[in-house]
Amino acid sequence: MSGYAGDTGELYERKDGLWDWRRRAVNGQIVATSGGQGYENEEFARHMAETRNPGIYFKVVELQEEVIAVAPGEPTSATDGEQSG
């Protein structure tokens, strides 16, 4: 199995110091991830990413927070939905 034309790979260091990978389709959607277990170093994360995604080049990117859309009126955190009293 080879990579899909235009897909890109990203390696990134998480806040906890572990490394993860993800693959993005041409439209920017994330279509595959490492599953969140994290790897001890960049080299091993790259090896695992490229093994599971042949033909995709993985570049190191800076971790950025993913923005999740919230419907109007919905709580945006665990405490927003709580009522005091």
Foldseek 3Di string as FASTA:
>chain_A
DAADPQKAKEWEQDPVRFIWMFIAHNVGDTDDIPPPPGHNDPVVRQVVVCVVHPHHDYDYDYDDDDDDDDPPPDDPDPCSPDDDD
